[in-house]
Amino acid sequence: MGAAKKVCIYAPVHIHTDVRVYQKEAKALAAAGYEVVLLARKGADETRERVQGHLRVEGVPRYKNRLQRFLMQPLMLAKILRTRAAIIHLHNPDTLLLGFFLKLMGKTVIYDTHEDFTQRILMREWIPGRLRQFMAKTVGQLEAWAGRCFDGAIATQPDVAARLGKKGVVIENAPIASGELIDCAYAHSRLIAKPAEFRVIYVGTIGRTRGLLQMVDALEYVNQLFPVRMWLIGPVHDQAGWKEAMAKPGWKHVDYRGVLPQVEAFAYMIQADAGLITIQNIGDHAKTSPNKIYEYQRFGIPFIASDFAVWREKVGHVGSGVFVRETDALEIAQAIVFLHDLPALAQEMGQKGMAYTINEYNWERESEKLIRLYQTLSKTDQSLVRGVAQ
């Protein structure tokens, strides 16, 4: 590629170690020879390891509330420009207005969204009801304009990519198959004692829409037959749901580990017997790329997942887990009992999932789409430069 082309990835809502933003995209670009500066949430500047190139992480200023986050946009625009990056890679709708300013300044801009925010906004209880519809439509329109005005657009869902227009590219949240993150997870798992009782795990955002209440009820049902406990890992985004779950009888079977570094969360997965992802059919949940399903499979544990048509289409053929009605705690409990009572079958499911994510569906393959997009933009930039010179 000649001299390394500098890339600025701006992800103000994401923690700097975010799996998709840092572990997947930033590292893949650095490995491909790009000089990458990642601007994300963290306390202080930090230089990360070289991955066949240079990857540096810089913190964005901390904000106290959502209003302050938007008021800091001019400051962040200046910070982005100071990186002197040739390509600006923006994450999520919070960055769209900055993207339009950057295009007016002649920058090469990529927009990257991980969810369908026209649906997610409708679920935001902190937004007044009448305002949600307006904001959802506004975000959808801004994304459509971005798809036309920006140089590239990335989504994890086909429906969202279609809204982004001809430039929309689907790059899914496939799991990382190998490398330092995986090796460290296995090493760390040896520090966690293998539980004597059957152990299920849920990793992700915690709340009612993510199936918290049903999972807790399922634990109470199963414990009437044999001991089972759940490792619960992730941020609590629904305080009312959290309090309701804690008041349930099944809560005594929950071990909440808080928000953990990705390596530690993966280590708990390795020591678990089954992974839960029984999120509710609200917003765009049924159409999302089910990242946790793939992570559970990568570490050889069977999943218990919401019976969404898109999810069945993606992984049902692998035979690596059980689909259930996500609203039915008794059915979730029956799936746990099924895996407990048939350990050989559960182990076979885990092995199938691991083989699938290592050999067929993984980030190493999916990242090729990202690199092709960047190569296309680099060639376009070079053509423009030659045209001006002539």
Protein backbone atom coordinates (compact mmCIF):
# COMPACT_ATOMS: atom_id res chain seq x y z
CA MET A 1 0.00 0.00 0.00
CA GLY A 2 3.06 2.24 0.09
CA ALA A 3 3.10 4.81 2.87
CA ALA A 4 0.58 3.95 5.56
CA LYS A 5 -2.69 5.84 5.11
CA LYS A 6 -3.95 7.31 8.40
CA VAL A 7 -7.44 6.42 9.61
CA CYS A 8 -9.35 8.08 12.45
CA ILE A 9 -12.06 5.89 14.00
CA TYR A 10 -14.40 8.04 16.10
CA ALA A 11 -16.69 6.09 18.46
CA PRO A 12 -17.70 8.44 21.30
CA VAL A 13 -20.33 6.13 22.82
CA HIS A 14 -18.13 3.03 22.89
CA ILE A 15 -15.55 2.04 25.46
CA HIS A 16 -12.11 1.98 23.85
CA THR A 17 -11.81 -1.82 24.22
CA ASP A 18 -15.16 -2.47 22.49
CA VAL A 19 -15.02 -5.79 20.66
CA ARG A 20 -16.35 -4.60 17.30
CA VAL A 21 -14.75 -1.16 17.25
CA TYR A 22 -11.34 -2.03 18.69
CA GLN A 23 -10.75 -5.78 18.71
CA LYS A 24 -12.28 -6.31 15.26
CA GLU A 25 -12.26 -3.23 13.05
CA ALA A 26 -9.36 -1.17 14.39
CA LYS A 27 -7.06 -4.17 14.67
CA ALA A 28 -8.04 -5.48 11.23
CA LEU A 29 -7.22 -2.12 9.62
CA ALA A 30 -3.91 -1.86 11.49
CA ALA A 31 -3.04 -5.40 10.40
CA ALA A 32 -3.79 -4.39 6.80
CA GLY A 33 -1.18 -1.63 7.01
CA TYR A 34 -3.27 1.43 7.93
CA GLU A 35 -2.13 3.81 10.66
CA VAL A 36 -5.15 3.88 12.97
CA VAL A 37 -6.12 6.40 15.63
CA LEU A 38 -9.14 5.32 17.68
CA LEU A 39 -11.05 8.04 19.55
CA ALA A 40 -13.32 6.42 22.13
CA ARG A 41 -14.29 6.51 25.79
CA LYS A 42 -11.32 6.12 28.11
CA GLY A 43 -9.43 8.03 30.77
CA ALA A 44 -6.16 8.93 29.06
CA ASP A 45 -4.22 8.47 25.86
CA GLU A 46 -2.85 5.00 25.40
CA THR A 47 -0.65 3.38 22.76
CA ARG A 48 -1.75 -0.12 21.86
CA GLU A 49 0.36 -2.95 20.47
CA ARG A 50 1.50 -2.92 16.85
CA VAL A 51 -0.53 -5.17 14.58
CA GLN A 52 1.51 -4.99 11.35
CA GLY A 53 0.99 -1.29 11.60
CA HIS A 54 0.29 1.31 14.27
CA LEU A 55 -2.84 1.49 16.37
CA ARG A 56 -3.20 4.29 18.91
CA VAL A 57 -6.11 4.83 21.29
CA GLU A 58 -7.04 8.30 22.53
CA GLY A 59 -9.75 9.11 25.03
CA VAL A 60 -12.65 11.44 24.30
CA PRO A 61 -13.71 13.92 27.01
CA ARG A 62 -16.07 12.47 29.58
CA TYR A 63 -19.62 13.78 29.51
CA LYS A 64 -22.12 13.97 32.38
CA ASN A 65 -25.28 13.64 30.30
CA ARG A 66 -26.55 13.24 26.71
CA LEU A 67 -26.92 16.99 26.18
CA GLN A 68 -23.30 17.60 27.12
CA ARG A 69 -22.27 14.85 24.69
CA PHE A 70 -23.80 16.78 21.80
CA LEU A 71 -22.50 20.15 22.99
CA MET A 72 -18.97 18.74 22.78
CA GLN A 73 -19.29 18.17 19.01
CA PRO A 74 -17.15 21.20 17.99
CA LEU A 75 -14.41 20.07 20.38
CA MET A 76 -14.49 16.57 18.89
CA LEU A 77 -14.42 17.93 15.35
CA ALA A 78 -11.18 19.73 16.20
CA LYS A 79 -9.78 16.57 17.81
CA ILE A 80 -10.59 14.53 14.70
CA LEU A 81 -8.96 17.08 12.42
CA ARG A 82 -5.82 17.12 14.57
CA THR A 83 -5.25 13.44 13.77
CA ARG A 84 -4.66 14.49 10.12
CA ALA A 85 -6.34 11.26 9.04
CA ALA A 86 -7.16 10.72 5.38
CA ILE A 87 -10.20 8.55 6.20
CA ILE A 88 -12.67 9.28 9.03
CA HIS A 89 -14.64 6.23 10.23
CA LEU A 90 -17.67 7.31 12.31
CA HIS A 91 -19.72 5.03 14.56
CA ASN A 92 -23.45 5.37 15.29
CA PRO A 93 -25.92 8.23 14.65
CA ASP A 94 -24.38 10.49 17.30
CA THR A 95 -21.63 11.25 14.79
CA LEU A 96 -23.74 11.98 11.69
CA LEU A 97 -23.72 15.79 11.95
CA LEU A 98 -19.94 15.74 12.35
CA GLY A 99 -19.78 13.55 9.26
CA PHE A 100 -21.58 16.13 7.14
CA PHE A 101 -19.21 18.87 8.34
CA LEU A 102 -16.22 16.64 7.53
CA LYS A 103 -17.53 16.01 4.02
CA LEU A 104 -17.89 19.76 3.47
CA MET A 105 -14.21 19.99 4.43
CA GLY A 106 -13.31 17.46 1.74
CA LYS A 107 -12.66 14.47 4.00
CA THR A 108 -13.24 10.82 3.11
CA VAL A 109 -15.96 9.65 5.52
CA ILE A 110 -17.34 6.21 6.41
CA TYR A 111 -20.48 5.77 8.51
CA ASP A 112 -20.80 2.61 10.61
CA THR A 113 -23.94 1.62 12.55
CA HIS A 114 -24.32 -1.56 14.60
CA GLU A 115 -28.09 -1.48 15.15
CA ASP A 116 -31.30 -0.16 13.62
CA PHE A 117 -31.56 3.06 15.59
CA THR A 118 -34.88 3.98 13.98
CA GLN A 119 -36.23 1.12 16.10
CA ARG A 120 -33.95 1.46 19.12
CA ILE A 121 -34.98 5.10 19.67
CA LEU A 122 -38.60 3.96 20.00
CA MET A 123 -37.49 1.90 23.02
CA ARG A 124 -35.76 4.81 24.82
CA GLU A 125 -37.96 5.47 27.85
CA TRP A 126 -36.04 8.65 28.72
CA ILE A 127 -37.32 10.25 25.49
CA PRO A 128 -40.91 11.61 25.71
CA GLY A 129 -43.29 9.36 23.76
CA ARG A 130 -44.31 11.86 21.07
CA LEU A 131 -40.72 12.87 20.47
CA ARG A 132 -39.52 9.29 19.85
CA GLN A 133 -41.29 8.94 16.50
CA PHE A 134 -39.90 12.27 15.30
CA MET A 135 -36.37 11.41 16.40
CA ALA A 136 -36.54 7.94 14.85
CA LYS A 137 -37.66 9.35 11.50
CA THR A 138 -34.99 12.05 11.69
CA VAL A 139 -32.23 9.51 12.30
CA GLY A 140 -33.51 7.37 9.43
CA GLN A 141 -33.46 10.37 7.08
CA LEU A 142 -29.99 11.45 8.23
CA GLU A 143 -28.68 7.92 7.66
CA ALA A 144 -30.19 7.89 4.16
CA TRP A 145 -28.47 11.22 3.39
CA ALA A 146 -25.23 9.88 4.83
CA GLY A 147 -25.49 6.89 2.51
CA ARG A 148 -25.62 9.29 -0.43
CA CYS A 149 -23.12 11.89 0.77
CA PHE A 150 -20.47 9.85 2.56
CA ASP A 151 -17.89 7.70 0.81
CA GLY A 152 -18.85 4.43 2.51
CA ALA A 153 -21.55 3.07 4.82
CA ILE A 154 -21.48 -0.06 7.01
CA ALA A 155 -24.32 -1.86 8.80
CA THR A 156 -24.73 -5.19 10.57
CA GLN A 157 -28.29 -5.73 9.26
CA PRO A 158 -29.44 -5.96 5.61
CA ASP A 159 -32.47 -3.72 6.27
CA VAL A 160 -30.26 -0.93 7.59
CA ALA A 161 -27.76 -1.37 4.75
CA ALA A 162 -30.64 -0.99 2.28
CA ARG A 163 -31.60 2.32 3.90
CA LEU A 164 -28.01 3.47 3.42
CA GLY A 165 -28.37 3.03 -0.35
CA LYS A 166 -25.95 1.67 -2.94
CA LYS A 167 -22.95 2.37 -0.72
CA GLY A 168 -24.37 0.28 2.12
CA VAL A 169 -22.27 -2.77 2.99
CA VAL A 170 -23.25 -5.47 5.50
CA ILE A 171 -20.35 -6.42 7.77
CA GLU A 172 -21.69 -8.72 10.47
CA ASN A 173 -20.61 -9.17 14.07
CA ALA A 174 -18.95 -12.51 13.45
CA PRO A 175 -16.81 -13.84 16.32
CA ILE A 176 -13.03 -13.62 16.43
CA ALA A 177 -11.69 -17.11 15.69
CA SER A 178 -8.14 -16.82 16.97
CA GLY A 179 -5.45 -14.47 18.22
CA GLU A 180 -4.36 -12.74 21.39
CA LEU A 181 -7.87 -12.07 22.76
CA ILE A 182 -8.87 -15.73 22.47
CA ASP A 183 -5.58 -17.02 23.90
CA CYS A 184 -5.82 -14.68 26.88
CA ALA A 185 -9.43 -15.75 27.53
CA TYR A 186 -8.42 -19.39 27.77
CA ALA A 187 -5.49 -18.54 30.01
CA HIS A 188 -7.72 -16.46 32.30
CA SER A 189 -10.39 -19.18 32.43
CA ARG A 190 -7.95 -21.36 34.36
CA LEU A 191 -8.22 -18.87 37.22
CA ILE A 192 -11.97 -19.52 37.48
CA ALA A 193 -12.88 -22.71 39.34
CA LYS A 194 -15.17 -25.00 37.37
CA PRO A 195 -18.50 -24.89 39.25
CA ALA A 196 -19.86 -28.07 40.80
CA GLU A 197 -23.44 -27.17 39.81
CA PHE A 198 -24.77 -26.70 36.28
CA ARG A 199 -23.89 -23.16 35.21
CA VAL A 200 -25.53 -20.93 32.61
CA ILE A 201 -24.26 -17.50 31.59
CA TYR A 202 -25.62 -14.28 30.12
CA VAL A 203 -23.25 -11.58 28.87
CA GLY A 204 -24.55 -8.29 27.53
CA THR A 205 -26.72 -5.30 28.35
CA ILE A 206 -29.02 -6.15 31.27
CA GLY A 207 -32.70 -5.24 31.46
CA ARG A 208 -36.25 -6.40 30.85
CA THR A 209 -35.98 -6.10 27.06
CA ARG A 210 -32.95 -8.42 27.23
CA GLY A 211 -34.95 -11.15 28.95
CA LEU A 212 -33.72 -10.59 32.50
CA LEU A 213 -37.02 -11.42 34.22
CA GLN A 214 -37.59 -14.60 32.21
CA MET A 215 -34.05 -15.84 32.89
CA VAL A 216 -34.43 -15.31 36.64
CA ASP A 217 -37.81 -17.09 36.68
CA ALA A 218 -36.32 -19.98 34.70
CA LEU A 219 -33.62 -20.42 37.36
CA GLU A 220 -36.27 -20.83 40.05
CA TYR A 221 -38.09 -23.48 38.01
CA VAL A 222 -34.95 -25.50 37.34
CA ASN A 223 -33.69 -25.36 40.91
CA GLN A 224 -36.76 -27.30 41.98
CA LEU A 225 -35.17 -30.24 40.09
CA PHE A 226 -31.41 -29.74 40.48
CA PRO A 227 -28.94 -26.95 41.33
CA VAL A 228 -28.24 -24.40 38.61
CA ARG A 229 -26.73 -20.94 38.86
CA MET A 230 -26.26 -18.11 36.37
CA TRP A 231 -23.31 -15.84 35.83
CA LEU A 232 -24.75 -12.45 34.86
CA ILE A 233 -22.22 -10.09 33.26
CA GLY A 234 -22.73 -6.65 31.77
CA PRO A 235 -24.06 -3.12 32.37
CA VAL A 236 -27.51 -2.55 33.88
CA HIS A 237 -29.48 -0.20 31.64
CA ASP A 238 -32.89 -0.76 33.21
CA GLN A 239 -32.96 0.06 36.93
CA ALA A 240 -36.66 -0.69 37.30
CA GLY A 241 -36.23 -4.10 35.69
CA TRP A 242 -33.14 -4.74 37.81
CA LYS A 243 -35.07 -4.08 41.04
CA GLU A 244 -37.94 -6.26 39.85
CA ALA A 245 -35.55 -9.11 39.05
CA MET A 246 -33.83 -8.83 42.44
CA ALA A 247 -37.20 -9.22 44.17
CA LYS A 248 -37.89 -12.54 42.44
CA PRO A 249 -37.26 -15.89 44.20
CA GLY A 250 -34.91 -16.98 41.40
CA TRP A 251 -32.51 -14.09 42.11
CA LYS A 252 -30.80 -16.11 44.83
CA HIS A 253 -29.40 -18.31 42.04
CA VAL A 254 -27.75 -15.35 40.24
CA ASP A 255 -24.08 -14.38 40.55
CA TYR A 256 -23.71 -10.86 39.16
CA ARG A 257 -20.13 -10.12 38.12
CA GLY A 258 -20.67 -6.55 36.93
CA VAL A 259 -19.05 -5.08 33.83
CA LEU A 260 -15.90 -7.05 33.02
CA PRO A 261 -13.08 -6.66 30.51
CA GLN A 262 -13.82 -8.76 27.44
CA VAL A 263 -11.10 -11.28 28.27
CA GLU A 264 -12.66 -11.99 31.67
CA ALA A 265 -16.19 -12.22 30.26
CA PHE A 266 -14.96 -14.75 27.70
CA ALA A 267 -13.19 -16.69 30.47
CA TYR A 268 -16.50 -17.13 32.29
CA MET A 269 -18.10 -18.32 29.03
CA ILE A 270 -15.44 -21.02 28.73
CA GLN A 271 -16.30 -22.33 32.20
CA ALA A 272 -20.10 -22.21 31.67
CA ASP A 273 -22.30 -25.10 30.53
CA ALA A 274 -24.70 -23.05 28.36
CA GLY A 275 -25.13 -19.47 27.16
CA LEU A 276 -28.42 -17.56 27.34
CA ILE A 277 -29.58 -14.96 24.83
CA THR A 278 -33.35 -14.83 25.26
CA ILE A 279 -33.82 -11.16 24.40
CA GLN A 280 -37.36 -9.99 23.80
CA ASN A 281 -38.94 -9.28 20.40
CA ILE A 282 -38.89 -5.50 20.78
CA GLY A 283 -37.54 -2.90 18.35
CA ASP A 284 -35.06 -4.46 15.96
CA HIS A 285 -33.99 -7.31 18.27
CA ALA A 286 -35.40 -10.06 16.04
CA LYS A 287 -33.36 -8.80 13.07
CA THR A 288 -30.04 -8.16 14.78
CA SER A 289 -26.85 -10.04 14.08
CA PRO A 290 -26.77 -12.26 17.22
CA ASN A 291 -23.21 -11.62 18.36
CA LYS A 292 -23.51 -13.48 21.67
CA ILE A 293 -24.76 -16.65 19.97
CA TYR A 294 -21.55 -16.77 17.98
CA GLU A 295 -19.35 -16.01 20.98
CA TYR A 296 -20.94 -18.82 22.98
CA GLN A 297 -20.33 -21.16 20.05
CA ARG A 298 -16.72 -20.03 19.67
CA PHE A 299 -15.99 -21.18 23.21
CA GLY A 300 -17.74 -24.51 22.81
CA ILE A 301 -20.91 -24.06 24.86
CA PRO A 302 -24.44 -24.61 23.48
CA PHE A 303 -26.78 -21.62 23.37
CA ILE A 304 -30.38 -21.12 24.47
CA ALA A 305 -31.74 -18.36 22.25
CA SER A 306 -34.91 -16.53 21.29
CA ASP A 307 -36.75 -18.30 18.48
CA PHE A 308 -36.41 -15.53 15.90
CA ALA A 309 -36.69 -16.48 12.23
CA VAL A 310 -33.53 -14.57 11.26
CA TRP A 311 -31.54 -16.28 14.01
CA ARG A 312 -32.77 -19.74 13.01
CA GLU A 313 -31.80 -19.00 9.42
CA LYS A 314 -28.31 -17.93 10.48
CA VAL A 315 -27.37 -20.71 12.89
CA GLY A 316 -30.18 -23.25 13.06
CA HIS A 317 -28.45 -25.51 10.53
CA VAL A 318 -25.36 -25.83 12.77
CA GLY A 319 -27.16 -27.81 15.48
CA SER A 320 -25.31 -25.95 18.21
CA GLY A 321 -28.10 -24.76 20.46
CA VAL A 322 -31.78 -24.64 21.44
CA PHE A 323 -34.36 -22.06 20.37
CA VAL A 324 -37.16 -21.10 22.77
CA ARG A 325 -40.05 -18.68 23.09
CA GLU A 326 -38.28 -15.78 24.74
CA THR A 327 -41.36 -14.74 26.71
CA ASP A 328 -41.85 -18.17 28.29
CA ALA A 329 -39.66 -18.71 31.38
CA LEU A 330 -40.87 -22.31 31.69
CA GLU A 331 -39.69 -23.08 28.14
CA ILE A 332 -36.30 -21.54 28.91
CA ALA A 333 -36.15 -23.72 32.03
CA GLN A 334 -37.01 -26.82 29.98
CA ALA A 335 -34.13 -26.03 27.61
CA ILE A 336 -31.73 -25.82 30.57
CA VAL A 337 -33.02 -29.17 31.85
CA PHE A 338 -32.61 -30.67 28.37
CA LEU A 339 -28.95 -29.69 28.16
CA HIS A 340 -28.30 -30.78 31.74
CA ASP A 341 -29.88 -34.22 31.27
CA LEU A 342 -28.09 -34.93 27.97
CA PRO A 343 -24.46 -33.89 28.64
CA ALA A 344 -23.06 -35.84 25.68
CA LEU A 345 -25.48 -34.10 23.30
CA ALA A 346 -24.75 -30.72 24.89
CA GLN A 347 -21.03 -31.32 24.41
CA GLU A 348 -21.60 -32.30 20.78
CA MET A 349 -23.59 -29.09 20.24
CA GLY A 350 -20.74 -27.07 21.70
CA GLN A 351 -18.20 -28.79 19.48
CA LYS A 352 -20.32 -28.15 16.38
CA GLY A 353 -20.60 -24.47 17.27
CA MET A 354 -16.88 -24.16 17.86
CA ALA A 355 -16.04 -25.83 14.55
CA TYR A 356 -18.51 -23.58 12.72
CA THR A 357 -17.10 -20.34 14.13
CA ILE A 358 -13.47 -21.37 13.69
CA ASN A 359 -13.76 -22.81 10.18
CA GLU A 360 -16.71 -21.13 8.48
CA TYR A 361 -18.17 -18.01 10.09
CA ASN A 362 -15.73 -15.69 11.82
CA TRP A 363 -14.41 -12.15 11.89
CA GLU A 364 -11.25 -13.10 10.05
CA ARG A 365 -13.40 -13.78 6.98
CA GLU A 366 -15.92 -11.01 7.57
CA SER A 367 -13.15 -8.42 7.95
CA GLU A 368 -12.20 -8.96 4.30
CA LYS A 369 -15.26 -6.86 3.39
CA LEU A 370 -13.93 -4.00 5.53
CA ILE A 371 -10.50 -4.14 3.93
CA ARG A 372 -12.01 -4.24 0.42
CA LEU A 373 -14.06 -1.13 1.21
CA TYR A 374 -10.96 0.73 2.39
CA GLN A 375 -8.96 -0.41 -0.62
CA THR A 376 -11.70 0.86 -2.92
CA LEU A 377 -11.70 4.26 -1.19
CA SER A 378 -7.89 4.43 -1.35
CA LYS A 379 -7.94 3.76 -5.10
CA THR A 380 -10.63 6.41 -5.59
CA ASP A 381 -8.55 8.97 -3.67
CA GLN A 382 -5.47 8.16 -5.76
CA SER A 383 -7.46 8.55 -8.99
CA LEU A 384 -8.71 11.97 -7.87
CA VAL A 385 -5.19 13.08 -7.02
CA ARG A 386 -3.91 11.98 -10.46
CA GLY A 387 -6.83 13.79 -12.12
CA VAL A 388 -6.01 17.04 -10.34
CA ALA A 389 -2.31 16.68 -11.20
CA GLN A 390 -3.09 16.26 -14.88
